[in-house]
Amino acid sequence: MTPVADKLREADWDEISLSIPATTPHRVEQALAAQQPDINDFMALVSPAAESYLEAMAAKAQVITRRHFGNTISMFVPLYLSNLCANECTYCGFTMSNRIRRKTLSMEEIALEAIAIRKMGFRHLLLVTGEHETKVGMPYFLEALAVLRRYFDYLMIEVQPLHTHEYQQLQQAGIDGVLVYQETYHRRQYSQYHLRGNKKNFDWRLETSDRLGQAKMQKIGVGALLGLADWRTDSTFAAMHTSLIHKYYWRSRCSVAFPRLRPCEGSTPSASMISDKQLVQLICAHRIMHPQAELSLSTRESAYFRDNVASLGVTSMSAASQTQPGGYSAQTEHLNQFDTEDHRSASQVAAALSQQGLEPVWQDWLPGFRG
């Protein structure tokens, strides 16, 4: 049974993409006034007509965020375990055709990375790899988790889509959340960006949140890579995805990320980029639509942008990110997955948040409270 994926497959991309630009100012005002906004309200809030209402959207998003999350911002950092990948994706630095030195961290190297990260203050870690099932699969993940759970209180993972029983194994080994982004919900364009490997399978990826929900994973992360297709339509599908997870797998928390396409080795420029102002609009629309969802912003964004949107709806932020294996404990020459924009240290990001009256939280989950 895949109720979330089935509902997403029923949605008509072309119909949604045509209806959003037709939104009137009056419809935007109705969406802003809605007590329980639905997906049609979300479409109004990400429409071109809503750009004139950004100040009102930001004010409402800020009130909702403070009501449900207080002044806290959860701090996390990604740990890249491997840049091996068996997929050919036109936008990613790890794509298999890039002739670069590949690196998979040993257990000893993982421990060194963990020690370096702990010294920065982090207790919340996101594990990331390229997608290579034979060399970087479940046995490797379980071995790495046995090392890392000695150092960290909250562990998330962003790897290839897995089976339900494998997610159950990961949860038993210490994983609290799984992030699997659809990249784009536009089936035809998805096939143009994903040329070889298991990632070509659009439906297997789309059904991941159902497998996670059935595995009773505590947190499920979704999102679209903004810039691959029309951002308004892709974001509407991501909003539907979030709502459906809340409906069918309500025991799981849901998080939404807003990664913008960034330059990397071998990538081609995008014709569907989202501006800073439009990204603020999107974050506010998600907060208004999903008051209790976790909204995450990474170091793909500049320090200036992150400082200015931190109080509007975001509830978690990465800091001091290195996007290559071994980037925290050693100087490496391995390829980054993408270029980051915010190069500040973790303490500098925390200080900037504190200056705005926000409270950086380094540990937002205690092992003893796991279900």
Protein backbone atom coordinates (compact mmCIF):
# COMPACT_ATOMS: atom_id res chain seq x y z
CA MET A 1 0.00 0.00 0.00
CA THR A 2 1.36 3.40 -1.01
CA PRO A 3 -1.43 5.91 -0.25
CA VAL A 4 0.84 8.98 -0.24
CA ALA A 5 2.48 8.17 -3.56
CA ASP A 6 -0.87 7.18 -5.10
CA LYS A 7 -2.39 10.56 -4.26
CA LEU A 8 0.64 12.39 -5.65
CA ARG A 9 0.41 10.39 -8.88
CA GLU A 10 -3.22 11.45 -9.24
CA ALA A 11 -2.32 15.16 -9.16
CA ASP A 12 -2.06 16.81 -12.58
CA TRP A 13 1.17 18.80 -13.01
CA ASP A 14 -0.08 20.75 -16.03
CA GLU A 15 -3.36 21.69 -14.38
CA ILE A 16 -1.57 23.00 -11.29
CA SER A 17 1.06 24.90 -13.26
CA LEU A 18 -1.66 26.67 -15.28
CA SER A 19 -3.87 27.54 -12.32
CA ILE A 20 -1.20 29.15 -10.11
CA PRO A 21 -0.45 32.13 -12.41
CA ALA A 22 -4.21 32.77 -12.75
CA THR A 23 -4.52 33.56 -9.02
CA THR A 24 -6.08 36.97 -8.28
CA PRO A 25 -5.17 39.34 -5.41
CA HIS A 26 -8.57 38.64 -3.86
CA ARG A 27 -7.81 34.90 -3.81
CA VAL A 28 -4.49 35.62 -2.07
CA GLU A 29 -6.34 37.61 0.61
CA GLN A 30 -8.73 34.68 1.11
CA ALA A 31 -5.76 32.33 1.54
CA LEU A 32 -4.17 34.64 4.10
CA ALA A 33 -7.43 34.76 6.07
CA ALA A 34 -8.05 30.99 5.99
CA GLN A 35 -8.17 29.36 9.43
CA GLN A 36 -7.08 25.97 8.10
CA PRO A 37 -5.34 26.56 4.75
CA ASP A 38 -5.58 23.79 2.16
CA ILE A 39 -3.52 23.08 -0.95
CA ASN A 40 -5.52 25.59 -3.00
CA ASP A 41 -4.61 28.27 -0.46
CA PHE A 42 -0.97 27.23 -0.72
CA MET A 43 -1.11 27.61 -4.50
CA ALA A 44 -2.47 31.13 -4.03
CA LEU A 45 0.31 31.98 -1.57
CA VAL A 46 3.09 30.93 -3.97
CA SER A 47 1.48 32.65 -6.95
CA PRO A 48 2.90 35.76 -8.65
CA ALA A 49 -0.07 37.71 -7.25
CA ALA A 50 1.06 36.91 -3.69
CA GLU A 51 4.42 38.64 -4.13
CA SER A 52 2.69 41.93 -3.28
CA TYR A 53 1.52 40.40 0.02
CA LEU A 54 4.93 39.22 1.18
CA GLU A 55 5.02 41.49 4.22
CA ALA A 56 1.66 40.17 5.47
CA MET A 57 2.74 36.59 4.76
CA ALA A 58 5.99 37.07 6.67
CA ALA A 59 4.19 38.56 9.67
CA LYS A 60 1.73 35.67 9.82
CA ALA A 61 4.45 33.05 9.34
CA GLN A 62 6.50 34.55 12.15
CA VAL A 63 3.56 34.50 14.58
CA ILE A 64 2.76 30.87 13.73
CA THR A 65 6.39 29.81 14.14
CA ARG A 66 6.79 31.47 17.54
CA ARG A 67 3.51 29.93 18.71
CA HIS A 68 4.54 26.37 17.86
CA PHE A 69 8.32 26.45 18.21
CA GLY A 70 9.10 29.37 20.48
CA ASN A 71 12.35 31.16 19.65
CA THR A 72 14.40 28.02 19.06
CA ILE A 73 16.42 27.03 16.00
CA SER A 74 17.70 23.45 15.92
CA MET A 75 21.34 23.28 14.79
CA PHE A 76 22.68 20.35 12.78
CA VAL A 77 25.58 19.53 10.51
CA PRO A 78 25.95 17.08 7.59
CA LEU A 79 28.63 14.39 7.66
CA TYR A 80 29.47 13.11 4.19
CA LEU A 81 30.55 9.48 4.50
CA SER A 82 31.17 8.71 0.82
CA ASN A 83 31.11 10.35 -2.61
CA LEU A 84 30.75 7.04 -4.44
CA CYS A 85 27.67 7.04 -6.67
CA ALA A 86 26.18 4.64 -9.22
CA ASN A 87 23.78 7.21 -10.69
CA GLU A 88 24.14 9.66 -13.55
CA CYS A 89 22.44 12.92 -12.55
CA THR A 90 23.10 16.07 -14.56
CA TYR A 91 23.04 18.48 -11.59
CA CYS A 92 25.18 16.66 -8.98
CA GLY A 93 28.93 16.72 -8.38
CA PHE A 94 28.89 13.07 -7.28
CA THR A 95 27.49 11.85 -10.64
CA MET A 96 29.23 8.66 -11.75
CA SER A 97 30.70 10.10 -14.98
CA ASN A 98 32.70 12.79 -13.16
CA ARG A 99 36.34 11.68 -13.26
CA ILE A 100 37.17 12.57 -9.70
CA ARG A 101 38.84 10.82 -6.81
CA ARG A 102 36.27 8.82 -4.86
CA LYS A 103 36.42 8.41 -1.12
CA THR A 104 34.51 6.33 1.43
CA LEU A 105 35.39 6.95 5.05
CA SER A 106 36.68 4.06 7.14
CA MET A 107 35.31 3.54 10.64
CA GLU A 108 38.47 5.13 12.06
CA GLU A 109 38.00 8.18 9.82
CA ILE A 110 34.33 8.41 10.81
CA ALA A 111 35.37 8.53 14.47
CA LEU A 112 37.84 11.35 13.71
CA GLU A 113 35.10 13.29 11.91
CA ALA A 114 32.74 12.74 14.85
CA ILE A 115 35.29 14.07 17.33
CA ALA A 116 35.93 17.16 15.18
CA ILE A 117 32.20 17.83 14.83
CA ARG A 118 31.52 17.38 18.55
CA LYS A 119 34.20 19.99 19.28
CA MET A 120 32.09 22.48 17.31
CA GLY A 121 29.17 21.84 19.67
CA PHE A 122 26.90 19.70 17.51
CA ARG A 123 24.89 16.81 18.95
CA HIS A 124 22.55 16.56 15.94
CA LEU A 125 24.04 14.93 12.82
CA LEU A 126 22.86 14.27 9.26
CA LEU A 127 24.67 11.40 7.49
CA VAL A 128 24.97 11.77 3.71
CA THR A 129 26.35 9.53 0.97
CA GLY A 130 26.15 9.16 -2.76
CA GLU A 131 23.92 6.30 -3.89
CA HIS A 132 25.99 3.13 -4.30
CA GLU A 133 24.14 0.13 -2.88
CA THR A 134 26.89 -2.46 -3.32
CA LYS A 135 29.75 -0.52 -1.72
CA VAL A 136 27.84 1.93 0.49
CA GLY A 137 24.76 0.02 1.58
CA MET A 138 23.13 -1.32 4.73
CA PRO A 139 26.17 -3.17 6.15
CA TYR A 140 28.21 0.05 5.89
CA PHE A 141 25.42 2.19 7.36
CA LEU A 142 24.98 -0.11 10.35
CA GLU A 143 28.71 -0.24 11.02
CA ALA A 144 28.96 3.57 10.81
CA LEU A 145 26.00 4.02 13.15
CA ALA A 146 27.64 1.80 15.76
CA VAL A 147 30.49 4.34 15.82
CA LEU A 148 28.45 7.53 15.58
CA ARG A 149 25.79 6.87 18.18
CA ARG A 150 28.54 7.06 20.81
CA TYR A 151 29.02 10.72 19.92
CA PHE A 152 25.61 12.08 18.93
CA ASP A 153 22.13 12.19 20.44
CA TYR A 154 20.13 12.68 17.24
CA LEU A 155 20.96 11.05 13.91
CA MET A 156 19.37 11.54 10.51
CA ILE A 157 20.37 10.00 7.21
CA GLU A 158 20.13 11.02 3.55
CA VAL A 159 21.02 8.09 1.29
CA GLN A 160 19.40 6.01 -1.48
CA PRO A 161 15.76 4.91 -0.98
CA LEU A 162 15.58 1.67 1.00
CA HIS A 163 13.05 -1.05 1.81
CA THR A 164 10.69 -0.87 4.80
CA HIS A 165 12.54 -3.54 6.78
CA GLU A 166 15.83 -1.72 6.18
CA TYR A 167 14.36 1.48 7.60
CA GLN A 168 13.28 -0.53 10.64
CA GLN A 169 16.85 -1.79 10.99
CA LEU A 170 18.22 1.74 10.76
CA GLN A 171 15.81 2.94 13.41
CA GLN A 172 16.87 0.12 15.73
CA ALA A 173 20.50 1.11 15.07
CA GLY A 174 19.89 4.71 16.17
CA ILE A 175 18.48 6.64 13.19
CA ASP A 176 15.80 9.16 14.18
CA GLY A 177 14.95 10.64 10.78
CA VAL A 178 15.35 10.00 7.05
CA LEU A 179 15.49 12.64 4.32
CA VAL A 180 14.68 11.58 0.75
CA TYR A 181 13.99 14.43 -1.63
CA GLN A 182 12.07 13.74 -4.82
CA GLU A 183 14.28 16.36 -6.57
CA THR A 184 11.40 17.17 -8.96
CA TYR A 185 7.83 15.87 -9.03
CA HIS A 186 7.63 16.44 -12.80
CA ARG A 187 7.92 12.90 -14.14
CA ARG A 188 9.08 13.80 -17.64
CA GLN A 189 11.71 16.29 -16.49
CA TYR A 190 12.84 13.87 -13.78
CA SER A 191 13.84 11.41 -16.50
CA GLN A 192 15.81 14.13 -18.30
CA TYR A 193 17.92 14.83 -15.19
CA HIS A 194 18.40 11.22 -14.03
CA LEU A 195 20.01 9.34 -16.89
CA ARG A 196 21.40 6.10 -15.40
CA GLY A 197 21.25 4.09 -12.20
CA ASN A 198 18.55 3.24 -9.69
CA LYS A 199 17.66 6.89 -9.27
CA LYS A 200 16.00 6.76 -12.71
CA ASN A 201 13.10 4.98 -10.99
CA PHE A 202 10.75 7.90 -10.26
CA ASP A 203 8.09 5.79 -8.53
CA TRP A 204 10.44 3.89 -6.22
CA ARG A 205 11.66 7.25 -4.93
CA LEU A 206 8.14 8.69 -4.70
CA GLU A 207 6.98 5.72 -2.60
CA THR A 208 9.79 6.16 -0.06
CA SER A 209 7.70 8.19 2.38
CA ASP A 210 5.13 5.37 2.46
CA ARG A 211 7.82 2.85 3.35
CA LEU A 212 9.17 5.23 6.00
CA GLY A 213 5.71 5.77 7.45
CA GLN A 214 5.05 2.04 7.55
CA ALA A 215 8.41 1.58 9.29
CA LYS A 216 7.21 4.16 11.87
CA MET A 217 10.24 6.38 11.30
CA GLN A 218 10.15 9.29 13.73
CA LYS A 219 10.94 12.00 11.17
CA ILE A 220 10.39 12.03 7.40
CA GLY A 221 12.03 14.76 5.33
CA VAL A 222 10.74 15.84 1.92
CA GLY A 223 11.44 18.59 -0.59
CA ALA A 224 12.15 19.52 -4.19
CA LEU A 225 15.48 20.70 -5.59
CA LEU A 226 14.44 24.21 -6.59
CA GLY A 227 15.60 24.99 -10.10
CA LEU A 228 15.05 21.64 -11.83
CA ALA A 229 11.46 22.46 -12.85
CA ASP A 230 8.94 25.25 -12.26
CA TRP A 231 9.46 26.01 -8.58
CA ARG A 232 5.85 26.97 -7.86
CA THR A 233 4.47 23.69 -9.18
CA ASP A 234 7.21 21.56 -7.65
CA SER A 235 6.66 23.28 -4.30
CA THR A 236 2.92 22.66 -4.51
CA PHE A 237 3.63 18.95 -4.90
CA ALA A 238 6.02 19.11 -1.94
CA ALA A 239 3.27 20.80 0.11
CA MET A 240 0.82 18.06 -0.90
CA HIS A 241 3.44 15.48 0.01
CA THR A 242 3.80 17.00 3.48
CA SER A 243 0.04 17.11 4.05
CA LEU A 244 -0.37 13.50 2.95
CA ILE A 245 2.36 12.30 5.32
CA HIS A 246 0.58 14.13 8.15
CA LYS A 247 -2.69 12.45 7.14
CA TYR A 248 -1.56 8.85 6.63
CA TYR A 249 1.46 8.63 8.94
CA TRP A 250 0.55 11.08 11.66
CA ARG A 251 2.85 9.44 14.20
CA SER A 252 5.85 10.64 12.18
CA ARG A 253 7.12 14.20 12.27
CA CYS A 254 7.60 15.85 8.89
CA SER A 255 10.31 18.25 7.78
CA VAL A 256 10.56 20.29 4.59
CA ALA A 257 13.79 21.59 3.06
CA PHE A 258 14.28 24.28 0.42
CA PRO A 259 17.50 23.39 -1.43
CA ARG A 260 18.23 25.67 -4.36
CA LEU A 261 20.25 24.28 -7.26
CA ARG A 262 23.89 25.30 -6.79
CA PRO A 263 26.91 25.11 -9.12
CA CYS A 264 28.95 21.91 -9.08
CA GLU A 265 31.45 20.07 -11.25
CA GLY A 266 29.85 19.04 -14.56
CA SER A 267 26.45 20.65 -13.96
CA THR A 268 24.50 22.72 -16.47
CA PRO A 269 22.81 26.08 -15.70
CA SER A 270 19.13 26.02 -14.76
CA ALA A 271 16.42 28.02 -16.52
CA SER A 272 13.98 27.67 -13.59
CA MET A 273 15.77 29.43 -10.75
CA ILE A 274 13.95 30.91 -7.78
CA SER A 275 14.90 34.38 -6.51
CA ASP A 276 15.63 35.31 -2.89
CA LYS A 277 12.30 37.10 -2.59
CA GLN A 278 10.44 34.11 -4.03
CA LEU A 279 12.21 31.74 -1.63
CA VAL A 280 11.05 33.88 1.30
CA GLN A 281 7.54 33.70 -0.16
CA LEU A 282 7.80 29.91 -0.38
CA ILE A 283 9.05 29.48 3.19
CA CYS A 284 6.21 31.67 4.50
CA ALA A 285 3.62 29.77 2.44
CA HIS A 286 4.81 26.45 3.89
CA ARG A 287 4.68 27.79 7.43
CA ILE A 288 1.14 29.13 6.95
CA MET A 289 0.04 25.83 5.39
CA HIS A 290 1.87 23.56 7.86
CA PRO A 291 2.09 25.23 11.29
CA GLN A 292 3.83 22.28 12.97
CA ALA A 293 6.14 21.09 10.19
CA GLU A 294 9.87 21.54 10.64
CA LEU A 295 11.32 23.86 7.99
CA SER A 296 15.03 23.57 7.30
CA LEU A 297 17.52 25.89 5.59
CA SER A 298 21.04 24.79 4.68
CA THR A 299 24.35 26.49 3.95
CA ARG A 300 23.45 26.45 0.26
CA GLU A 301 22.09 29.91 1.15
CA SER A 302 24.23 32.96 1.93
CA ALA A 303 24.86 34.21 5.45
CA TYR A 304 22.95 37.41 4.65
CA PHE A 305 19.89 35.52 3.41
CA ARG A 306 19.86 33.04 6.29
CA ASP A 307 20.17 35.78 8.88
CA ASN A 308 17.23 37.63 7.36
CA VAL A 309 14.82 34.69 7.11
CA ALA A 310 15.74 32.83 10.31
CA SER A 311 12.89 34.39 12.28
CA LEU A 312 10.18 34.00 9.62
CA GLY A 313 9.46 30.28 9.62
CA VAL A 314 12.67 28.28 9.68
CA THR A 315 13.10 25.88 12.62
CA SER A 316 16.38 24.12 11.79
CA MET A 317 19.63 25.22 10.15
CA SER A 318 22.90 23.57 9.24
CA ALA A 319 26.17 25.36 9.92
CA ALA A 320 29.88 25.00 9.10
CA SER A 321 28.97 22.37 6.48
CA GLN A 322 31.59 20.43 4.54
CA THR A 323 30.19 18.55 1.54
CA GLN A 324 33.06 16.14 0.96
CA PRO A 325 34.11 13.05 2.93
CA GLY A 326 36.71 13.87 5.57
CA GLY A 327 36.06 17.60 5.41
CA TYR A 328 36.03 18.25 9.16
CA SER A 329 39.08 16.38 10.43
CA ALA A 330 41.41 16.57 7.42
CA GLN A 331 42.20 18.74 4.42
CA THR A 332 40.86 16.75 1.48
CA GLU A 333 40.88 17.26 -2.26
CA HIS A 334 37.80 15.19 -2.97
CA LEU A 335 34.99 16.77 -4.92
CA ASN A 336 32.25 18.66 -3.10
CA GLN A 337 28.71 17.62 -3.94
CA PHE A 338 27.85 21.30 -4.48
CA ASP A 339 29.15 24.75 -3.53
CA THR A 340 28.04 26.14 -0.17
CA GLU A 341 27.36 29.86 0.33
CA ASP A 342 27.44 30.37 4.10
CA HIS A 343 31.03 29.71 5.19
CA ARG A 344 30.74 30.89 8.80
CA SER A 345 31.73 28.71 11.73
CA ALA A 346 29.06 27.11 13.87
CA SER A 347 29.71 29.59 16.68
CA GLN A 348 29.38 32.54 14.28
CA VAL A 349 26.02 31.28 13.01
CA ALA A 350 24.83 30.72 16.58
CA ALA A 351 25.93 34.24 17.58
CA ALA A 352 24.05 35.76 14.63
CA LEU A 353 20.88 33.90 15.66
CA SER A 354 21.25 34.98 19.27
CA GLN A 355 21.53 38.62 18.20
CA GLN A 356 18.03 38.26 16.73
CA GLY A 357 16.63 36.91 19.98
CA LEU A 358 16.64 33.32 18.71
CA GLU A 359 17.96 30.39 20.72
CA PRO A 360 20.26 27.92 18.92
CA VAL A 361 19.53 24.39 20.16
CA TRP A 362 22.36 21.89 19.73
CA GLN A 363 20.57 18.90 21.22
CA ASP A 364 16.86 18.58 20.49
CA TRP A 365 16.31 14.91 21.29
CA LEU A 366 17.43 12.69 24.14
CA PRO A 367 18.07 8.98 23.44
CA GLY A 368 16.04 7.99 26.50
CA PHE A 369 12.91 9.57 24.99
CA ARG A 370 12.98 7.58 21.76
CA GLY A 371 9.82 5.59 21.21
